[in-house]
Amino acid sequence: MARGDRTARNGRVLIVVSPAKSLDYESPLATRKHSNPLMLDQSERLVGVMRGKSPAEIAEMMHISASLAELNFERFQDWERPFTTKNARPAVIAFTGDVYQGMDTGSFNERDFTHAQKVLRILSGLYGVLRPLDLMQPYRLEMGSKFDTGRGSDLYSFWGDRITDQLNADIAASPGPAVLINLASNEYYGSVQPQRLDARIITPTFLDAKGDGEHKIVAFFAKRARGAMTGWIIRNRIKSVRALTDFDLDGYRHSPERSSNYNPVFTRRSD
């Protein structure tokens, strides 16, 4: 179906997704558009904490190898403001994990990037909430990390109400009934306070069936599917919950019998 054909007249959506561990700061940029993150003062506080940790402490905290710990130690040391196109790149292009491969931003045109900026938010341990075109310097700091942040023992306590407040501000920026489409992992969605969100929350689920016919969540496939749905919503300018049931990429089909009003379920066979 052509781009924009599946919209509703008076709806608006905001999508939340998780970041990725894998990054690309070498490939040509698909767009020259960019913006500045809105929560950099908070990010700078976290960077200050992380700069005080040795590579060995980072390795233990993040459960990563010595070489990866050294890389991320150097990233925190090199982090600096202001963000420019020379020391940072748009988040939706910098992230290259399974979700972003499924999103396929390489197929976006300039209007798609502009629309993504309005409807997509990336939850981040370091940056809080990122818009797709927000410039981002490379980092690794997972939302589930536990360390003394100066506001508690983990990043959930550090961010507190701030991520939810920012999402509500984004939701309030457009008129019409609001829907938040949760395509983030549990780890990252845990930074959101759903009871305080000024929106109807929809959480799609993606199930795969193998030879025995039993449908279950397969983490790798589910990540790709969440990204694929995100890209599909953006390219087709989806603005209604009902239109979500038309999603049919990568062999997934809506399963009405498994779905509820707030949890549309999509299934496929992955033999």
Foldseek 3Di string as FASTA:
>chain_A
DAAQPAADDFFAEAEEAEFAQAWDPDDDDLDPDADAFPQVVLLLLQLVVLLPDDLVRQCVQVVHDSVVSVVQNVLSVPDDDDFDNVQWWFRLRTGDDLLSVLLPCVPDDPQLLVLQQLHYWYADLRRGIGRRRHTDGDHDDFQQGFPCSVQDGGSLSSCPCVSQVVQQVSQVVDGGAYEYEYLYDPSRCVSYDVVPHRHQYAYEAEWEAEDVRDTDDDPSVSSSVSSNLSNVCSRRVYGDPVSSQVDQPPRWHWDVVVADPRYTYIYGYDD
